[in-house]
N, C-alpha and C. Protein backbone atom coordinates (compact mmCIF):
# COMPACT_ATOMS: atom_id res chain seq x y z
N MET A 1 68.59 161.42 113.99
CA MET A 1 68.59 162.80 114.51
C MET A 1 68.83 163.68 113.35
N GLU A 2 67.98 164.79 113.28
CA GLU A 2 68.20 165.79 112.30
C GLU A 2 68.90 167.05 112.72
N THR A 3 69.68 167.58 111.81
CA THR A 3 70.33 168.85 112.19
C THR A 3 70.10 169.85 111.07
N ARG A 4 69.96 171.13 111.45
CA ARG A 4 69.65 172.11 110.52
C ARG A 4 70.64 173.16 110.53
N ALA A 5 70.71 173.90 109.42
CA ALA A 5 71.52 175.14 109.24
C ALA A 5 70.89 175.98 108.39
N TYR A 6 70.84 177.32 108.57
CA TYR A 6 70.17 178.36 107.84
C TYR A 6 71.14 179.37 107.36
N LEU A 7 70.75 179.96 106.19
CA LEU A 7 71.44 181.11 105.72
C LEU A 7 70.39 182.04 105.22
N LYS A 8 70.42 183.22 105.67
CA LYS A 8 69.29 184.19 105.32
C LYS A 8 69.96 185.38 104.74
N GLY A 9 69.27 185.83 103.62
CA GLY A 9 69.53 187.10 102.94
C GLY A 9 70.88 187.17 102.12
N THR A 10 71.23 185.98 101.57
CA THR A 10 72.37 185.83 100.80
C THR A 10 72.18 186.47 99.40
N ARG A 11 73.12 187.18 98.84
CA ARG A 11 72.97 187.93 97.54
C ARG A 11 73.04 186.98 96.38
N LEU A 12 72.09 186.14 96.21
CA LEU A 12 72.07 185.24 95.18
C LEU A 12 70.58 184.98 94.78
N SER A 13 70.36 184.81 93.50
CA SER A 13 69.06 184.70 93.00
C SER A 13 68.53 183.28 93.47
N PRO A 14 67.19 183.25 93.89
CA PRO A 14 66.70 181.92 94.41
C PRO A 14 66.68 180.84 93.22
N GLN A 15 66.52 181.36 92.12
CA GLN A 15 66.38 180.49 90.95
C GLN A 15 67.80 179.80 90.71
N LYS A 16 68.91 180.59 90.81
CA LYS A 16 70.14 180.02 90.63
C LYS A 16 70.69 179.20 91.79
N ALA A 17 70.16 179.57 92.99
CA ALA A 17 70.46 178.66 94.17
C ALA A 17 69.80 177.37 93.98
N ALA A 18 68.55 177.41 93.49
CA ALA A 18 67.64 176.17 93.44
C ALA A 18 68.37 175.15 92.44
N LEU A 19 68.98 175.63 91.43
CA LEU A 19 69.72 174.75 90.47
C LEU A 19 70.71 173.84 91.10
N VAL A 20 71.47 174.54 92.08
CA VAL A 20 72.46 173.82 92.78
C VAL A 20 71.98 172.93 93.77
N ALA A 21 70.94 173.40 94.50
CA ALA A 21 70.24 172.75 95.54
C ALA A 21 69.66 171.42 95.02
N ASP A 22 69.01 171.40 93.82
CA ASP A 22 68.46 170.21 93.37
C ASP A 22 69.43 169.19 93.01
N GLN A 23 70.70 169.43 92.83
CA GLN A 23 71.70 168.48 92.50
C GLN A 23 72.21 167.71 93.76
N ILE A 24 72.17 168.32 94.89
CA ILE A 24 72.62 167.68 96.11
C ILE A 24 71.53 167.14 96.97
N ARG A 25 70.36 167.38 96.75
CA ARG A 25 69.23 166.89 97.53
C ARG A 25 69.28 165.35 97.55
N GLY A 26 69.28 164.74 98.71
CA GLY A 26 69.17 163.31 98.90
C GLY A 26 70.54 162.55 98.76
N LYS A 27 71.64 163.32 98.63
CA LYS A 27 73.01 162.59 98.48
C LYS A 27 73.59 162.53 99.90
N LYS A 28 74.56 161.59 99.87
CA LYS A 28 75.46 161.49 101.10
C LYS A 28 76.32 162.70 101.12
N ILE A 29 76.91 162.93 102.36
CA ILE A 29 77.65 164.16 102.48
C ILE A 29 78.88 164.25 101.66
N ASP A 30 79.66 163.19 101.59
CA ASP A 30 80.87 163.23 100.77
C ASP A 30 80.59 163.37 99.30
N GLU A 31 79.53 162.76 98.76
CA GLU A 31 79.08 163.12 97.37
C GLU A 31 78.68 164.47 97.18
N ALA A 32 77.98 165.04 98.10
CA ALA A 32 77.49 166.48 97.99
C ALA A 32 78.73 167.45 98.02
N LEU A 33 79.63 167.19 98.88
CA LEU A 33 80.87 168.01 98.97
C LEU A 33 81.74 167.99 97.66
N ASP A 34 81.83 166.74 97.16
CA ASP A 34 82.54 166.53 95.91
C ASP A 34 81.93 167.39 94.71
N PHE A 35 80.55 167.33 94.70
CA PHE A 35 79.91 167.98 93.69
C PHE A 35 80.09 169.55 93.85
N LEU A 36 79.93 169.96 95.06
CA LEU A 36 80.07 171.47 95.37
C LEU A 36 81.42 171.94 95.03
N ASN A 37 82.55 171.16 95.29
CA ASN A 37 83.91 171.52 95.22
C ASN A 37 84.22 171.78 93.63
N PHE A 38 83.58 170.96 92.80
CA PHE A 38 84.02 170.99 91.41
C PHE A 38 83.06 171.81 90.51
N ASN A 39 82.02 172.31 91.11
CA ASN A 39 81.04 173.06 90.32
C ASN A 39 81.50 174.53 90.26
N LYS A 40 81.39 175.24 89.22
CA LYS A 40 81.78 176.56 89.00
C LYS A 40 80.85 177.64 89.42
N GLN A 41 79.61 177.34 89.69
CA GLN A 41 78.53 178.28 89.93
C GLN A 41 78.79 178.95 91.30
N LYS A 42 78.41 180.19 91.35
CA LYS A 42 78.50 180.95 92.63
C LYS A 42 77.74 180.36 93.69
N GLY A 43 76.56 179.80 93.45
CA GLY A 43 75.58 179.12 94.40
C GLY A 43 76.29 178.01 95.15
N SER A 44 77.17 177.25 94.32
CA SER A 44 77.80 176.07 94.98
C SER A 44 78.80 176.46 96.02
N ALA A 45 79.51 177.55 95.96
CA ALA A 45 80.39 178.03 96.94
C ALA A 45 79.64 178.38 98.17
N ILE A 46 78.54 179.11 97.99
CA ILE A 46 77.75 179.49 99.13
C ILE A 46 77.03 178.38 99.90
N ILE A 47 76.53 177.36 99.13
CA ILE A 47 75.90 176.25 99.69
C ILE A 47 76.86 175.26 100.25
N LYS A 48 77.98 175.14 99.69
CA LYS A 48 79.20 174.43 100.31
C LYS A 48 79.53 174.87 101.76
N LYS A 49 79.50 176.22 101.91
CA LYS A 49 79.82 176.76 103.19
C LYS A 49 78.82 176.42 104.20
N LEU A 50 77.46 176.58 103.69
CA LEU A 50 76.31 176.17 104.58
C LEU A 50 76.23 174.79 105.01
N LEU A 51 76.67 173.91 104.08
CA LEU A 51 76.72 172.41 104.28
C LEU A 51 77.69 172.07 105.32
N GLU A 52 78.98 172.74 105.18
CA GLU A 52 80.07 172.47 106.15
C GLU A 52 79.61 172.96 107.52
N SER A 53 78.81 174.06 107.68
CA SER A 53 78.22 174.55 108.84
C SER A 53 77.27 173.52 109.47
N ALA A 54 76.42 172.93 108.63
CA ALA A 54 75.41 171.97 109.08
C ALA A 54 76.26 170.71 109.53
N ILE A 55 77.23 170.33 108.87
CA ILE A 55 78.07 169.21 109.37
C ILE A 55 78.71 169.31 110.77
N ALA A 56 79.17 170.65 110.88
CA ALA A 56 79.74 171.03 112.27
C ALA A 56 78.68 170.97 113.32
N ASN A 57 77.46 171.50 113.05
CA ASN A 57 76.43 171.46 113.87
C ASN A 57 76.14 170.08 114.31
N ALA A 58 76.06 169.13 113.31
CA ALA A 58 75.75 167.74 113.69
C ALA A 58 76.74 167.13 114.58
N GLU A 59 78.00 167.48 114.20
CA GLU A 59 79.12 166.80 115.04
C GLU A 59 79.19 167.29 116.49
N ASN A 60 79.00 168.67 116.61
CA ASN A 60 79.28 169.22 117.90
C ASN A 60 78.05 169.25 118.69
N ASN A 61 76.91 169.43 118.14
CA ASN A 61 75.66 169.56 118.99
C ASN A 61 74.99 168.25 119.26
N ASN A 62 74.95 167.40 118.25
CA ASN A 62 74.27 166.12 118.35
C ASN A 62 75.19 164.93 118.40
N ASN A 63 76.41 165.01 118.45
CA ASN A 63 77.33 163.94 118.45
C ASN A 63 77.08 162.90 117.35
N SER A 64 76.74 163.32 116.21
CA SER A 64 76.42 162.45 115.02
C SER A 64 77.64 161.89 114.43
N ASP A 65 77.60 160.77 113.82
CA ASP A 65 78.66 160.24 112.89
C ASP A 65 78.57 160.79 111.56
N ILE A 66 79.66 161.46 111.22
CA ILE A 66 79.65 162.30 109.82
C ILE A 66 79.48 161.30 108.70
N ASP A 67 80.12 160.18 108.89
CA ASP A 67 79.99 159.15 107.67
C ASP A 67 78.66 158.72 107.33
N LYS A 68 77.76 158.74 108.31
CA LYS A 68 76.37 158.31 108.14
C LYS A 68 75.38 159.38 107.68
N LEU A 69 75.78 160.68 107.66
CA LEU A 69 74.88 161.76 107.44
C LEU A 69 74.59 161.82 105.88
N SER A 70 73.46 162.37 105.59
CA SER A 70 73.00 162.65 104.10
C SER A 70 72.19 163.86 104.26
N VAL A 71 72.08 164.47 103.08
CA VAL A 71 71.21 165.64 102.93
C VAL A 71 69.70 165.19 102.84
N LYS A 72 69.01 165.45 103.83
CA LYS A 72 67.62 165.05 103.81
C LYS A 72 66.83 165.94 103.00
N SER A 73 66.98 167.30 103.23
CA SER A 73 66.31 168.22 102.45
C SER A 73 67.04 169.64 102.45
N ILE A 74 66.92 170.27 101.23
CA ILE A 74 67.49 171.53 101.10
C ILE A 74 66.41 172.45 100.44
N ILE A 75 66.08 173.57 101.17
CA ILE A 75 64.90 174.38 100.69
C ILE A 75 65.59 175.79 100.39
N VAL A 76 65.12 176.39 99.22
CA VAL A 76 65.53 177.67 98.82
C VAL A 76 64.29 178.57 98.66
N ASN A 77 64.23 179.59 99.58
CA ASN A 77 63.09 180.46 99.42
C ASN A 77 63.62 181.90 98.99
N GLN A 78 62.62 182.63 98.39
CA GLN A 78 62.95 184.09 98.12
C GLN A 78 63.07 184.93 99.27
N GLY A 79 64.14 185.68 99.33
CA GLY A 79 64.24 186.76 100.38
C GLY A 79 63.80 188.16 100.00
N MET A 80 64.25 189.07 100.70
CA MET A 80 63.96 190.54 100.37
C MET A 80 64.73 190.94 99.08
N ARG A 81 64.02 191.76 98.38
CA ARG A 81 64.68 192.27 97.09
C ARG A 81 65.17 193.70 97.35
N LEU A 82 66.42 193.89 97.04
CA LEU A 82 67.06 195.24 97.13
C LEU A 82 66.67 196.08 95.89
N LYS A 83 66.09 197.22 96.00
CA LYS A 83 65.72 197.92 94.84
C LYS A 83 66.61 199.21 94.75
N ARG A 84 67.18 199.41 93.55
CA ARG A 84 68.07 200.35 93.25
C ARG A 84 67.63 201.02 91.98
N MET A 85 68.11 202.39 91.76
CA MET A 85 67.71 203.09 90.68
C MET A 85 69.02 203.31 89.79
N LYS A 86 68.83 203.32 88.50
CA LYS A 86 69.76 203.61 87.47
C LYS A 86 69.48 204.80 86.66
N PRO A 87 70.26 205.78 86.59
CA PRO A 87 69.74 206.95 85.77
C PRO A 87 69.74 206.55 84.28
N ARG A 88 68.81 207.12 83.52
CA ARG A 88 68.60 206.92 82.24
C ARG A 88 68.61 208.41 81.49
N ALA A 89 68.29 208.26 80.19
CA ALA A 89 68.37 209.58 79.36
C ALA A 89 67.13 210.45 79.71
N ARG A 90 67.25 211.72 79.53
CA ARG A 90 66.14 212.67 79.77
C ARG A 90 65.68 212.76 81.31
N GLY A 91 66.47 212.48 82.08
CA GLY A 91 66.15 212.48 83.50
C GLY A 91 65.25 211.44 84.00
N ARG A 92 65.07 210.40 83.32
CA ARG A 92 64.32 209.21 83.85
C ARG A 92 65.23 208.29 84.65
N ALA A 93 64.59 207.25 85.20
CA ALA A 93 65.39 206.25 86.01
C ALA A 93 64.66 204.91 85.75
N ASP A 94 65.57 203.93 85.77
CA ASP A 94 65.02 202.55 85.70
C ASP A 94 65.23 201.94 87.06
N ARG A 95 64.36 201.09 87.46
CA ARG A 95 64.46 200.29 88.71
C ARG A 95 65.38 199.03 88.49
N ILE A 96 66.31 198.80 89.30
CA ILE A 96 67.04 197.60 89.23
C ILE A 96 66.80 196.73 90.55
N ILE A 97 66.38 195.51 90.42
CA ILE A 97 66.07 194.73 91.52
C ILE A 97 67.06 193.64 91.70
N LYS A 98 67.72 193.58 92.94
CA LYS A 98 68.70 192.68 93.16
C LYS A 98 68.14 191.70 94.15
N PRO A 99 68.01 190.42 93.73
CA PRO A 99 67.24 189.37 94.60
C PRO A 99 68.21 188.81 95.63
N THR A 100 67.55 188.36 96.71
CA THR A 100 68.20 187.57 97.75
C THR A 100 67.52 186.25 98.10
N CYS A 101 68.15 185.34 98.77
CA CYS A 101 67.40 184.13 99.05
C CYS A 101 67.75 183.66 100.38
N HIS A 102 66.88 182.81 100.87
CA HIS A 102 67.09 182.15 102.26
C HIS A 102 67.31 180.58 101.84
N ILE A 103 68.26 179.99 102.44
CA ILE A 103 68.55 178.61 102.28
C ILE A 103 68.58 177.93 103.61
N GLU A 104 67.90 176.71 103.58
CA GLU A 104 67.99 175.82 104.79
C GLU A 104 68.29 174.42 104.40
N ILE A 105 69.30 173.90 105.16
CA ILE A 105 69.76 172.48 104.90
C ILE A 105 69.34 171.69 106.14
N VAL A 106 68.84 170.53 105.89
CA VAL A 106 68.60 169.60 106.95
C VAL A 106 69.32 168.27 106.62
N LEU A 107 70.06 167.80 107.67
CA LEU A 107 70.96 166.73 107.50
C LEU A 107 70.32 165.56 108.51
N ALA A 108 70.32 164.41 108.02
CA ALA A 108 69.82 163.19 108.77
C ALA A 108 70.76 162.00 108.72
N GLU A 109 70.77 161.27 109.64
CA GLU A 109 71.60 160.00 109.69
C GLU A 109 70.76 158.87 108.88
N GLY A 110 71.47 158.21 108.09
CA GLY A 110 70.73 157.18 107.30
C GLY A 110 70.84 157.48 105.90
N ASP A 111 70.10 156.69 104.99
CA ASP A 111 70.11 156.81 103.68
C ASP A 111 69.45 158.12 103.10
N LYS A 112 68.19 158.31 103.55
CA LYS A 112 67.39 159.42 103.04
C LYS A 112 67.03 160.27 104.21
């Protein structure tokens, strides 16, 4: 049985989130949580919270055994970009783009 959890519009660059996501893809739940606990990147704290949400979904909605769960897939997509202006010299302005991303985690029972 597969269980999903989504996080949309988080204030994190998709490139930075993908670096963390690549490290936990295909791992067992306890290995993934250990990695996310001890990693210093901002993305690991966000993905850890989403992974815990997916685990709770699997336990409560599907009555899955937590010890048998593994991360089947984790997908990071680009979200909407926030556009801001920064004043510069001589009345000009520079555009500052603040990226967001959408993250989806799929858990499955078994090895992969």
